[in-house]
Amino acid sequence: FLAIVVKADTVKLTTADSGAAAETSFNSAGNWSNNEAPSSAHDYVVDLGSESGIILPSANASFNGASLQIGSAENSGRLDILTKDKTYTMTNLILKSGIINVAPNVKTTFNGAFTVASTLNEPFVIQGGSGSEMTYPHNSFFGGSDSAVLIKGVGGVFRFHAPTWYQYKQSGYKGRWIVDNAMFEIASFSTYAGEEFREDAIILRNNGILRGNAAGPSFSHSKIGVTIEETGGKIQQGYSG
């Protein structure tokens, strides 16, 4: 028998969303090039630059496309979360080039998988304003040893963590985390896909914080090292830091 693999067609966002609403390009025809709501028959790309792009809906929502890629080889992209306390589900969110932005005082939860296609030379940015927070699932990030994500606080500390006591379980991710004026909350390290020890698996800069959300967090792991750059960083223990 001959196995035939049918590749999904690529659809691009042609115009940036103007604001949060019950329906945006995330869950409607919106501004997609084919004038249709996302479906599993297509892959979707947002690469209108880092200033504007797709805005997530003002209610809990799921993305029905085969994948959603932020950025491309030609240009960066942007995804904005402006509404607090909402949950968004995506089968495969590809972080190629650009920004996921969480507005100030907004707490958001993501379900699904993140494929990191950016590198240390130009890491993908996940940023949040003062009082913002993002929760991501266990074992949801995937990327090779060259991949990199920059967690950045803008105008205040941005909290970034997994659920359930903030255990670090990323058995498919071999890349780096850069924490810049943000708080990476991890009670203990469980899994990491890197084959060998790397001293810069986590990089702290501009007062970036690695914080354990437990009375006695365990930062011990045979493959994960922490590098603190000259601009400064902190390792904090316990609920009160």
Protein backbone atom coordinates (compact mmCIF):
# COMPACT_ATOMS: atom_id res chain seq x y z
CA PHE A 1 0.00 0.00 0.00
CA LEU A 2 1.15 3.54 -0.77
CA ALA A 3 0.67 6.00 2.10
CA ILE A 4 -0.42 9.43 0.89
CA VAL A 5 0.00 12.41 3.21
CA VAL A 6 -2.22 15.38 2.39
CA LYS A 7 -0.71 18.66 3.57
CA ALA A 8 -3.06 21.37 4.78
CA ASP A 9 -3.22 24.57 2.74
CA THR A 10 -1.81 27.76 4.29
CA VAL A 11 -4.10 30.71 5.00
CA LYS A 12 -2.75 34.11 6.09
CA LEU A 13 -4.19 36.95 8.13
CA THR A 14 -4.50 39.89 5.73
CA THR A 15 -5.54 42.64 8.17
CA ALA A 16 -5.00 42.91 11.93
CA ASP A 17 -7.94 42.45 14.29
CA SER A 18 -9.12 45.76 15.76
CA GLY A 19 -10.08 44.64 19.27
CA ALA A 20 -11.34 41.90 21.55
CA ALA A 21 -14.87 40.65 20.86
CA ALA A 22 -16.86 37.43 21.15
CA GLU A 23 -15.65 36.62 17.64
CA THR A 24 -12.27 37.57 16.20
CA SER A 25 -10.16 35.97 13.48
CA PHE A 26 -9.38 33.31 16.07
CA ASN A 27 -12.90 31.82 15.85
CA SER A 28 -14.52 33.37 12.77
CA ALA A 29 -13.82 34.25 9.13
CA GLY A 30 -12.44 37.54 10.42
CA ASN A 31 -9.54 38.75 8.31
CA TRP A 32 -8.30 35.46 6.85
CA SER A 33 -7.26 35.41 3.19
CA ASN A 34 -9.83 32.75 2.28
CA ASN A 35 -12.71 34.59 4.03
CA GLU A 36 -13.60 31.47 5.99
CA ALA A 37 -13.54 30.56 9.67
CA PRO A 38 -10.52 28.42 10.69
CA SER A 39 -10.88 24.73 9.90
CA SER A 40 -8.72 21.61 10.19
CA ALA A 41 -8.19 21.70 6.41
CA HIS A 42 -5.80 24.65 6.72
CA ASP A 43 -2.70 25.90 8.50
CA TYR A 44 -2.83 29.56 9.52
CA VAL A 45 -0.09 32.20 9.63
CA VAL A 46 -0.07 35.62 11.30
CA ASP A 47 2.91 37.71 10.10
CA LEU A 48 1.78 41.34 9.88
CA GLY A 49 4.61 42.53 12.14
CA SER A 50 5.07 42.77 15.89
CA GLU A 51 2.75 45.76 16.45
CA SER A 52 -0.62 44.17 15.63
CA GLY A 53 -2.09 40.87 14.50
CA ILE A 54 -4.65 38.43 15.84
CA ILE A 55 -6.59 39.21 19.04
CA LEU A 56 -8.07 36.40 21.10
CA PRO A 57 -11.83 36.50 21.80
CA SER A 58 -13.45 38.01 24.88
CA ALA A 59 -14.81 34.57 25.84
CA ASN A 60 -13.32 31.08 26.21
CA ALA A 61 -12.57 29.83 22.71
CA SER A 62 -10.87 27.13 20.64
CA PHE A 63 -8.93 27.49 17.41
CA ASN A 64 -10.19 24.95 14.86
CA GLY A 65 -7.35 25.20 12.35
CA ALA A 66 -4.72 22.50 11.88
CA SER A 67 -2.11 24.93 13.26
CA LEU A 68 -1.64 28.61 14.05
CA GLN A 69 1.82 30.06 13.36
CA ILE A 70 2.91 33.42 14.72
CA GLY A 71 5.55 34.89 12.42
CA SER A 72 7.18 33.53 9.29
CA ALA A 73 10.50 33.57 7.47
CA GLU A 74 9.45 36.89 5.93
CA ASN A 75 8.05 38.79 8.90
CA SER A 76 7.20 38.63 12.60
CA GLY A 77 3.70 38.26 14.00
CA ARG A 78 1.67 39.12 17.08
CA LEU A 79 -1.04 37.55 19.21
CA ASP A 80 -2.82 39.64 21.88
CA ILE A 81 -4.76 38.56 24.97
CA LEU A 82 -6.80 41.51 26.24
CA THR A 83 -9.56 39.83 28.29
CA LYS A 84 -8.91 38.43 31.76
CA ASP A 85 -9.71 34.99 33.13
CA LYS A 86 -10.30 33.25 29.79
CA THR A 87 -9.05 29.90 28.47
CA TYR A 88 -7.88 29.39 24.89
CA THR A 89 -7.27 26.04 23.21
CA MET A 90 -5.06 25.41 20.18
CA THR A 91 -3.93 22.06 18.77
CA ASN A 92 -0.58 23.45 17.64
CA LEU A 93 0.58 27.02 18.23
CA ILE A 94 3.86 27.53 16.34
CA LEU A 95 6.12 30.23 17.77
CA LYS A 96 8.23 31.27 14.79
CA SER A 97 8.94 35.00 15.15
CA GLY A 98 7.20 37.71 17.13
CA ILE A 99 5.19 38.24 20.28
CA ILE A 100 2.41 36.86 22.42
CA ASN A 101 1.25 39.81 24.49
CA VAL A 102 -0.80 39.55 27.69
CA ALA A 103 -2.36 42.90 28.65
CA PRO A 104 -1.80 44.38 32.14
CA ASN A 105 -3.82 42.75 34.95
CA VAL A 106 -4.97 39.96 32.63
CA LYS A 107 -4.70 36.32 33.70
CA THR A 108 -4.99 33.81 30.89
CA THR A 109 -4.83 30.02 30.49
CA PHE A 110 -3.65 28.20 27.38
CA ASN A 111 -4.43 24.59 26.46
CA GLY A 112 -2.73 22.68 23.67
CA ALA A 113 0.80 22.48 22.30
CA PHE A 114 3.48 25.09 21.59
CA THR A 115 6.08 24.33 18.90
CA VAL A 116 9.06 26.66 19.36
CA ALA A 117 10.64 27.44 15.98
CA SER A 118 12.71 30.43 17.15
CA THR A 119 16.35 30.43 18.27
CA LEU A 120 18.55 32.22 20.82
CA ASN A 121 19.57 34.79 18.17
CA GLU A 122 15.93 35.89 17.88
CA PRO A 123 13.85 34.20 20.60
CA PHE A 124 10.08 34.26 20.47
CA VAL A 125 8.71 36.72 23.05
CA ILE A 126 5.91 35.92 25.49
CA GLN A 127 5.33 39.16 27.36
CA GLY A 128 2.94 40.51 29.95
CA GLY A 129 2.15 43.85 31.53
CA SER A 130 2.04 44.61 35.25
CA GLY A 131 -0.19 42.18 37.15
CA SER A 132 -0.49 39.78 34.21
CA GLU A 133 -0.19 36.00 34.38
CA MET A 134 -0.12 33.08 31.94
CA THR A 135 -0.71 29.42 32.73
CA TYR A 136 0.40 26.77 30.25
CA PRO A 137 -0.11 22.96 30.39
CA HIS A 138 2.44 20.35 31.43
CA ASN A 139 4.34 18.79 28.51
CA SER A 140 3.05 21.44 26.12
CA PHE A 141 6.29 22.97 24.76
CA PHE A 142 8.26 21.28 21.99
CA GLY A 143 11.53 22.42 20.46
CA GLY A 144 15.08 21.40 19.64
CA SER A 145 18.27 22.35 21.44
CA ASP A 146 18.57 25.62 19.48
CA SER A 147 15.05 26.83 20.33
CA ALA A 148 14.47 29.72 22.74
CA VAL A 149 11.60 31.59 24.37
CA LEU A 150 11.93 35.00 26.03
CA ILE A 151 9.55 35.52 28.97
CA LYS A 152 9.35 39.28 29.45
CA GLY A 153 7.68 41.64 31.89
CA VAL A 154 6.65 45.04 30.50
CA GLY A 155 6.08 47.81 33.03
CA GLY A 156 5.92 45.28 35.87
CA VAL A 157 6.41 41.62 36.73
CA PHE A 158 4.75 39.02 34.49
CA ARG A 159 4.05 35.60 36.07
CA PHE A 160 4.53 32.52 33.86
CA HIS A 161 3.84 29.01 35.16
CA ALA A 162 2.22 25.61 34.73
CA PRO A 163 -0.72 24.39 36.86
CA THR A 164 -0.71 21.98 39.83
CA TRP A 165 2.00 23.29 42.12
CA TYR A 166 3.96 24.63 39.16
CA GLN A 167 5.87 21.44 38.41
CA TYR A 168 8.20 21.76 35.41
CA LYS A 169 7.25 18.90 33.10
CA GLN A 170 8.44 19.54 29.55
CA SER A 171 9.58 16.20 28.20
CA GLY A 172 9.52 17.48 24.59
CA TYR A 173 11.46 20.71 25.02
CA LYS A 174 15.26 20.87 24.68
CA GLY A 175 15.62 24.63 24.34
CA ARG A 176 16.25 27.67 26.52
CA TRP A 177 14.08 29.95 28.62
CA ILE A 178 15.14 33.59 29.00
CA VAL A 179 13.45 35.38 31.90
CA ASP A 180 13.58 39.18 31.59
CA ASN A 181 11.92 41.24 34.36
CA ALA A 182 9.42 38.39 34.73
CA MET A 183 8.75 35.57 37.20
CA PHE A 184 9.19 31.97 36.05
CA GLU A 185 7.43 29.98 38.79
CA ILE A 186 8.56 26.38 39.24
CA ALA A 187 8.21 24.33 42.42
CA SER A 188 10.50 21.59 41.13
CA PHE A 189 11.90 20.17 37.91
CA SER A 190 10.48 16.88 36.72
CA THR A 191 11.38 16.41 33.04
CA TYR A 192 13.46 18.21 30.42
CA ALA A 193 14.28 16.80 26.99
CA GLY A 194 17.88 18.02 26.73
CA GLU A 195 20.33 15.15 26.30
CA GLU A 196 23.05 16.67 28.46
CA PHE A 197 23.61 19.37 31.06
CA ARG A 198 23.46 22.94 29.80
CA GLU A 199 24.41 25.83 32.03
CA ASP A 200 22.03 28.23 30.25
CA ALA A 201 18.85 26.18 30.07
CA ILE A 202 17.34 29.08 32.05
CA ILE A 203 18.77 32.59 31.65
CA LEU A 204 17.87 35.35 34.11
CA ARG A 205 18.31 38.99 33.13
CA ASN A 206 17.01 42.44 34.15
CA ASN A 207 15.91 41.16 37.56
CA GLY A 208 14.30 38.03 36.12
CA ILE A 209 13.13 35.66 38.85
CA LEU A 210 13.12 31.87 39.14
CA ARG A 211 10.69 31.29 41.98
CA GLY A 212 9.47 28.13 43.70
CA ASN A 213 5.80 28.20 44.64
CA ALA A 214 6.17 25.78 47.54
CA ALA A 215 7.41 25.76 51.11
CA GLY A 216 10.46 23.78 50.03
CA PRO A 217 10.95 23.89 46.26
CA SER A 218 13.52 21.64 44.61
CA PHE A 219 15.58 23.31 41.89
CA SER A 220 17.75 20.23 41.40
CA HIS A 221 17.96 18.71 37.90
CA SER A 222 20.82 16.92 36.20
CA LYS A 223 20.39 18.75 32.86
CA ILE A 224 19.17 22.22 33.79
CA GLY A 225 21.54 25.02 34.74
CA VAL A 226 20.72 28.65 35.47
CA THR A 227 22.78 31.54 34.11
CA ILE A 228 22.37 34.98 35.68
CA GLU A 229 23.51 37.78 33.38
CA GLU A 230 25.21 40.99 34.49
CA THR A 231 21.88 42.85 34.52
CA GLY A 232 20.84 40.69 37.48
CA GLY A 233 18.41 37.97 38.49
CA LYS A 234 17.04 36.21 41.54
CA ILE A 235 16.26 32.70 42.74
CA GLN A 236 13.48 32.79 45.32
CA GLN A 237 12.04 30.12 47.57
CA GLY A 238 8.57 29.67 49.03
CA TYR A 239 5.20 31.37 48.76
CA SER A 240 6.44 34.70 50.08
CA GLY A 241 9.71 34.62 48.14
